[in-house]
C-alpha atoms as a PDB file:
ATOM      1  CA  MET A   1     -56.322 -72.440  40.454  1.00  0.00           C
ATOM      2  CA  ARG A   2     -57.788 -74.715  42.932  1.00  0.00           C
ATOM      3  CA  ILE A   3     -60.411 -73.773  45.465  1.00  0.00           C
ATOM      4  CA  ASN A   4     -60.471 -75.749  48.529  1.00  0.00           C
ATOM      5  CA  LYS A   5     -63.802 -77.274  49.396  1.00  0.00           C
ATOM      6  CA  THR A   6     -63.222 -78.433  52.621  1.00  0.00           C
ATOM      7  CA  ILE A   7     -65.606 -77.871  55.263  1.00  0.00           C
ATOM      8  CA  ASN A   8     -65.274 -78.068  58.933  1.00  0.00           C
ATOM      9  CA  PHE A   9     -68.591 -79.703  59.796  1.00  0.00           C
ATOM     10  CA  GLY A  10     -68.240 -79.316  63.423  1.00  0.00           C
ATOM     11  CA  LEU A  11     -67.663 -75.337  63.324  1.00  0.00           C
ATOM     12  CA  LEU A  12     -70.796 -75.292  60.898  1.00  0.00           C
ATOM     13  CA  THR A  13     -72.742 -77.242  63.184  1.00  0.00           C
ATOM     14  CA  ALA A  14     -71.916 -74.951  66.198  1.00  0.00           C
ATOM     15  CA  VAL A  15     -72.704 -71.963  64.083  1.00  0.00           C
ATOM     16  CA  ILE A  16     -76.191 -72.997  63.060  1.00  0.00           C
ATOM     17  CA  VAL A  17     -76.765 -74.199  66.430  1.00  0.00           C
ATOM     18  CA  SER A  18     -75.876 -70.856  67.815  1.00  0.00           C
ATOM     19  CA  MET A  19     -78.016 -69.138  65.278  1.00  0.00           C
ATOM     20  CA  THR A  20     -80.978 -71.203  66.289  1.00  0.00           C
ATOM     21  CA  PHE A  21     -80.454 -70.640  69.633  1.00  0.00           C
ATOM     22  CA  VAL A  22     -80.459 -66.752  68.843  1.00  0.00           C
ATOM     23  CA  ALA A  23     -83.379 -66.721  66.732  1.00  0.00           C
ATOM     24  CA  SER A  24     -85.126 -68.577  69.380  1.00  0.00           C
ATOM     25  CA  ILE A  25     -84.449 -66.227  72.123  1.00  0.00           C
ATOM     26  CA  GLU A  26     -85.676 -63.536  69.793  1.00  0.00           C
ATOM     27  CA  VAL A  27     -88.758 -65.183  68.923  1.00  0.00           C
ATOM     28  CA  THR A  28     -89.261 -66.032  72.942  1.00  0.00           C
ATOM     29  CA  ASN A  29     -88.851 -62.407  73.269  1.00  0.00           C
ATOM     30  CA  VAL A  30     -91.215 -61.265  70.818  1.00  0.00           C
ATOM     31  CA  TYR A  31     -93.895 -63.387  72.326  1.00  0.00           C
ATOM     32  CA  ALA A  32     -93.170 -62.272  75.666  1.00  0.00           C
ATOM     33  CA  GLN A  33     -93.684 -58.537  74.552  1.00  0.00           C
ATOM     34  CA  THR A  34     -96.885 -59.342  72.922  1.00  0.00           C
ATOM     35  CA  SER A  35     -98.016 -61.455  75.811  1.00  0.00           C
ATOM     36  CA  ASN A  36     -97.295 -58.427  77.898  1.00  0.00           C
ATOM     37  CA  VAL A  37     -99.035 -55.945  75.416  1.00  0.00           C
ATOM     38  CA  THR A  38    -102.204 -58.086  75.238  1.00  0.00           C
ATOM     39  CA  SER A  39    -102.324 -58.579  79.168  1.00  0.00           C
ATOM     40  CA  ASN A  40    -101.566 -54.849  79.622  1.00  0.00           C
ATOM     41  CA  ALA A  41    -104.261 -53.754  77.365  1.00  0.00           C
ATOM     42  CA  ALA A  42    -106.688 -56.023  78.730  1.00  0.00           C
ATOM     43  CA  GLY A  43    -105.953 -54.845  82.563  1.00  0.00           C
ATOM     44  CA  ASN A  44    -105.570 -51.321  81.177  1.00  0.00           C
ATOM     45  CA  ALA A  45    -108.822 -51.413  78.803  1.00  0.00           C
ATOM     46  CA  ALA A  46    -110.613 -48.878  81.658  1.00  0.00           C
ATOM     47  CA  LYS A  47    -107.369 -46.899  81.807  1.00  0.00           C
ATOM     48  CA  GLY A  48    -107.238 -45.922  78.037  1.00  0.00           C
ATOM     49  CA  THR A  49    -104.963 -46.631  74.910  1.00  0.00           C
ATOM     50  CA  VAL A  50    -102.581 -44.040  73.578  1.00  0.00           C
ATOM     51  CA  VAL A  51    -103.523 -43.458  69.966  1.00  0.00           C
ATOM     52  CA  ARG A  52    -101.961 -40.154  69.275  1.00  0.00           C
ATOM     53  CA  ASP A  53    -104.367 -39.402  65.875  1.00  0.00           C
ATOM     54  CA  SER A  54    -104.732 -35.738  64.488  1.00  0.00           C
ATOM     55  CA  ALA A  55    -106.710 -34.165  62.012  1.00  0.00           C
ATOM     56  CA  THR A  56    -106.496 -30.768  60.609  1.00  0.00           C
ATOM     57  CA  ILE A  57    -109.455 -29.355  58.723  1.00  0.00           C
ATOM     58  CA  LEU A  58    -109.113 -26.582  56.253  1.00  0.00           C
ATOM     59  CA  LEU A  59    -112.216 -24.429  56.063  1.00  0.00           C
ATOM     60  CA  GLU A  60    -111.336 -21.823  53.864  1.00  0.00           C
ATOM     61  CA  GLY A  61    -114.070 -21.108  51.189  1.00  0.00           C
ATOM     62  CA  LYS A  62    -116.390 -23.646  52.364  1.00  0.00           C
ATOM     63  CA  THR A  63    -120.044 -22.584  53.818  1.00  0.00           C
ATOM     64  CA  ILE A  64    -121.945 -23.503  56.963  1.00  0.00           C
ATOM     65  CA  GLN A  65    -125.610 -22.851  56.713  1.00  0.00           C
ATOM     66  CA  ALA A  66    -127.544 -20.836  59.569  1.00  0.00           C
ATOM     67  CA  LYS A  67    -128.681 -23.184  62.205  1.00  0.00           C
ATOM     68  CA  ASP A  68    -126.429 -26.065  60.769  1.00  0.00           C
ATOM     69  CA  TYR A  69    -123.248 -27.938  61.743  1.00  0.00           C
ATOM     70  CA  ILE A  70    -120.274 -29.892  60.106  1.00  0.00           C
ATOM     71  CA  HIS A  71    -119.377 -33.029  61.644  1.00  0.00           C
ATOM     72  CA  LEU A  72    -115.656 -33.179  61.994  1.00  0.00           C
ATOM     73  CA  TYR A  73    -114.659 -36.141  64.126  1.00  0.00           C
ATOM     74  CA  ASP A  74    -115.784 -39.340  65.643  1.00  0.00           C
ATOM     75  CA  THR A  75    -114.166 -42.042  67.911  1.00  0.00           C
ATOM     76  CA  THR A  76    -117.092 -44.242  68.305  1.00  0.00           C
ATOM     77  CA  PRO A  77    -117.366 -46.855  69.794  1.00  0.00           C
ATOM     78  CA  TYR A  78    -114.298 -45.590  72.085  1.00  0.00           C
ATOM     79  CA  MET A  79    -114.407 -42.295  73.858  1.00  0.00           C
ATOM     80  CA  ILE A  80    -111.939 -39.675  74.108  1.00  0.00           C
ATOM     81  CA  LYS A  81    -110.010 -39.804  77.199  1.00  0.00           C
ATOM     82  CA  SER A  82    -107.381 -37.179  76.438  1.00  0.00           C
ATOM     83  CA  GLY A  83    -107.368 -34.895  73.397  1.00  0.00           C
ATOM     84  CA  HIS A  84    -107.030 -31.162  72.396  1.00  0.00           C
ATOM     85  CA  ILE A  85    -108.731 -28.742  69.756  1.00  0.00           C
ATOM     86  CA  ALA A  86    -107.435 -25.574  68.291  1.00  0.00           C
ATOM     87  CA  THR A  87    -109.286 -23.563  65.639  1.00  0.00           C
ATOM     88  CA  LYS A  88    -108.958 -20.428  64.130  1.00  0.00           C
ATOM     89  CA  LEU A  89    -112.173 -18.659  63.207  1.00  0.00           C
ATOM     90  CA  PRO A  90    -113.302 -15.579  62.312  1.00  0.00           C
ATOM     91  CA  CYS A  91    -114.351 -13.173  65.241  1.00  0.00           C
ATOM     92  CA  ASP A  92    -115.665  -9.916  66.234  1.00  0.00           C
ATOM     93  CA  SER A  93    -113.676  -6.887  67.916  1.00  0.00           C
ATOM     94  CA  SER A  94    -114.448  -8.462  71.202  1.00  0.00           C
ATOM     95  CA  SER A  95    -112.434 -11.653  70.061  1.00  0.00           C
ATOM     96  CA  THR A  96    -115.816 -13.544  69.967  1.00  0.00           C
ATOM     97  CA  SER A  97    -116.762 -16.001  67.178  1.00  0.00           C
ATOM     98  CA  PRO A  98    -120.291 -16.786  66.130  1.00  0.00           C
ATOM     99  CA  LEU A  99    -119.076 -20.144  65.484  1.00  0.00           C
ATOM    100  CA  LYS A 100    -119.326 -22.879  68.143  1.00  0.00           C
ATOM    101  CA  ILE A 101    -117.230 -26.386  68.678  1.00  0.00           C
ATOM    102  CA  LEU A 102    -119.226 -28.791  69.680  1.00  0.00           C
ATOM    103  CA  ILE A 103    -117.913 -31.709  71.580  1.00  0.00           C
ATOM    104  CA  GLY A 104    -120.070 -34.651  73.239  1.00  0.00           C
ATOM    105  CA  GLN A 105    -121.594 -37.979  72.267  1.00  0.00           C
ATOM    106  CA  ALA A 106    -123.701 -37.653  69.027  1.00  0.00           C
ATOM    107  CA  PRO A 107    -126.410 -36.652  68.878  1.00  0.00           C
ATOM    108  CA  ASN A 108    -126.158 -34.947  72.449  1.00  0.00           C
ATOM    109  CA  LEU A 109    -123.535 -32.245  71.791  1.00  0.00           C
ATOM    110  CA  LYS A 110    -122.904 -28.941  73.761  1.00  0.00           C
ATOM    111  CA  PRO A 111    -120.425 -26.037  72.988  1.00  0.00           C
ATOM    112  CA  ALA A 112    -116.782 -26.529  74.083  1.00  0.00           C
ATOM    113  CA  ALA A 113    -115.364 -23.776  76.501  1.00  0.00           C
ATOM    114  CA  LEU A 114    -113.014 -22.175  73.923  1.00  0.00           C
ATOM    115  CA  GLU A 115    -110.100 -20.312  75.661  1.00  0.00           C
ATOM    116  CA  LEU A 116    -108.841 -17.133  73.518  1.00  0.00           C
ATOM    117  CA  VAL A 117    -105.024 -17.447  72.258  1.00  0.00           C
ATOM    118  CA  LYS A 118    -104.418 -13.606  72.404  1.00  0.00           C
ATOM    119  CA  PRO A 119    -101.004 -13.585  70.745  1.00  0.00           C
ATOM    120  CA  LEU A 120    -102.277 -15.401  67.770  1.00  0.00           C
ATOM    121  CA  SER A 121    -105.640 -13.527  67.641  1.00  0.00           C
ATOM    122  CA  THR A 122    -106.564 -10.590  65.523  1.00  0.00           C
ATOM    123  CA  PRO A 123    -109.907  -9.233  67.069  1.00  0.00           C
ATOM    124  CA  GLY A 124    -112.263  -8.016  64.304  1.00  0.00           C
ATOM    125  CA  LYS A 125    -110.900 -10.726  61.853  1.00  0.00           C
ATOM    126  CA  MET A 126    -109.634 -13.805  62.809  1.00  0.00           C
ATOM    127  CA  CYS A 127    -108.968 -15.633  66.502  1.00  0.00           C
ATOM    128  CA  LEU A 128    -107.333 -18.508  67.596  1.00  0.00           C
ATOM    129  CA  TYR A 129    -108.941 -20.553  70.182  1.00  0.00           C
ATOM    130  CA  HIS A 130    -108.103 -23.814  72.124  1.00  0.00           C
ATOM    131  CA  VAL A 131    -109.725 -26.352  74.802  1.00  0.00           C
ATOM    132  CA  ASP A 132    -108.773 -29.798  76.095  1.00  0.00           C
ATOM    133  CA  VAL A 133    -110.893 -32.495  75.903  1.00  0.00           C
ATOM    134  CA  ALA A 134    -111.691 -35.611  78.265  1.00  0.00           C
ATOM    135  CA  SER A 135    -114.659 -37.777  78.787  1.00  0.00           C
ATOM    136  CA  GLN A 136    -115.867 -37.778  82.031  1.00  0.00           C
ATOM    137  CA  PRO A 137    -118.699 -40.554  82.384  1.00  0.00           C
ATOM    138  CA  GLY A 138    -121.251 -39.893  84.865  1.00  0.00           C
ATOM    139  CA  GLU A 139    -120.123 -35.954  84.754  1.00  0.00           C
ATOM    140  CA  GLN A 140    -121.810 -33.255  83.527  1.00  0.00           C
ATOM    141  CA  ALA A 141    -118.991 -33.236  80.876  1.00  0.00           C
ATOM    142  CA  GLY A 142    -119.902 -36.541  79.733  1.00  0.00           C
ATOM    143  CA  ILE A 143    -118.751 -38.775  77.184  1.00  0.00           C
ATOM    144  CA  ILE A 144    -116.936 -37.190  74.007  1.00  0.00           C
ATOM    145  CA  THR A 145    -116.705 -39.172  70.932  1.00  0.00           C
ATOM    146  CA  ASP A 146    -117.679 -36.428  68.632  1.00  0.00           C
ATOM    147  CA  ILE A 147    -116.640 -33.092  67.549  1.00  0.00           C
ATOM    148  CA  ALA A 148    -118.468 -30.528  64.893  1.00  0.00           C
ATOM    149  CA  ILE A 149    -118.359 -27.173  64.082  1.00  0.00           C
ATOM    150  CA  GLN A 150    -121.832 -25.306  64.349  1.00  0.00           C
ATOM    151  CA  ASN A 151    -123.430 -21.960  63.085  1.00  0.00           C
ATOM    152  CA  PRO A 152    -126.061 -20.893  65.473  1.00  0.00           C
ATOM    153  CA  THR A 153    -126.495 -17.795  63.702  1.00  0.00           C
ATOM    154  CA  SER A 154    -129.544 -17.005  61.200  1.00  0.00           C
ATOM    155  CA  THR A 155    -126.891 -16.345  58.328  1.00  0.00           C
ATOM    156  CA  THR A 156    -124.954 -18.489  56.304  1.00  0.00           C
ATOM    157  CA  ILE A 157    -121.017 -18.067  57.077  1.00  0.00           C
ATOM    158  CA  THR A 158    -118.405 -18.353  54.481  1.00  0.00           C
ATOM    159  CA  PHE A 159    -115.070 -19.141  56.181  1.00  0.00           C
ATOM    160  CA  PRO A 160    -112.392 -16.687  55.096  1.00  0.00           C
ATOM    161  CA  SER A 161    -108.945 -17.660  54.637  1.00  0.00           C
ATOM    162  CA  SER A 162    -106.762 -19.600  57.077  1.00  0.00           C
ATOM    163  CA  SER A 163    -110.042 -21.043  58.965  1.00  0.00           C
ATOM    164  CA  THR A 164    -108.810 -24.233  60.263  1.00  0.00           C
ATOM    165  CA  VAL A 165    -109.871 -26.571  63.053  1.00  0.00           C
ATOM    166  CA  VAL A 166    -107.135 -29.009  64.393  1.00  0.00           C
ATOM    167  CA  ILE A 167    -108.127 -31.916  66.593  1.00  0.00           C
ATOM    168  CA  GLY A 168    -105.685 -34.082  68.402  1.00  0.00           C
ATOM    169  CA  VAL A 169    -106.704 -37.233  70.232  1.00  0.00           C
ATOM    170  CA  ASP A 170    -104.035 -38.744  72.687  1.00  0.00           C
ATOM    171  CA  GLU A 171    -105.863 -41.320  74.392  1.00  0.00           C
ATOM    172  CA  ILE A 172    -109.123 -43.516  73.857  1.00  0.00           C
ATOM    173  CA  MET A 173    -110.928 -45.971  76.003  1.00  0.00           C
ATOM    174  CA  PRO A 174    -114.263 -48.414  75.661  1.00  0.00           C
ATOM    175  CA  GLY A 175    -117.371 -47.386  77.101  1.00  0.00           C
ATOM    176  CA  ALA A 176    -118.992 -44.969  74.727  1.00  0.00           C
ATOM    177  CA  GLU A 177    -121.672 -47.763  74.206  1.00  0.00           C
ATOM    178  CA  MET A 178    -124.141 -45.540  76.261  1.00  0.00           C
ATOM    179  CA  THR A 179    -127.239 -44.686  74.545  1.00  0.00           C
ATOM    180  CA  ALA A 180    -127.137 -40.791  73.658  1.00  0.00           C
ATOM    181  CA  GLY A 181    -130.067 -38.378  73.375  1.00  0.00           C
ATOM    182  CA  THR A 182    -131.829 -36.625  70.452  1.00  0.00           C
ATOM    183  CA  ASN A 183    -130.319 -33.213  69.678  1.00  0.00           C
ATOM    184  CA  MET A 184    -127.170 -33.074  67.567  1.00  0.00           C
ATOM    185  CA  THR A 185    -127.353 -29.352  67.007  1.00  0.00           C
ATOM    186  CA  SER A 186    -128.151 -28.290  70.357  1.00  0.00           C
ATOM    187  CA  SER A 187    -126.360 -25.189  71.521  1.00  0.00           C
ATOM    188  CA  LYS A 188    -127.153 -24.824  75.306  1.00  0.00           C
END
């Protein structure tokens, strides 16, 4: 059996030229997209960058000493432009937890205004709370780069089963370089 080794060089040249042209178009498109992303990033730096990062912190069995805190999350040198915190903590019969979720720029952290999620809470045992977080430079809320949990009580607390903190950060932005104050465990 004989194999025909004749090659149509004209057709082969046309195919190679076509493939080269398509490849150069793809490279040009990738370059254009990269340039757009770079220029958009420069132009939108003050507007923020979408990141969608999340952290789930399981606290079961861990202890937190009286008047102490556990640092949970830090975006420095960027500030959180848009985020959310959900936490399941021990609570009393009025659905109040002795623990505080602190937000701000370390060392100036303040308790977040947590909202109770009644359908997912059992007063006197465990309650679910949540809060949206967003930096407000120049506002009372201020810059948020850090999230912590605090035990402002005079007794050590051991976290019961299913104690959690879930932190979701959707957008960050530069500008957290501002100098912060001095008291990380502030519970004002």
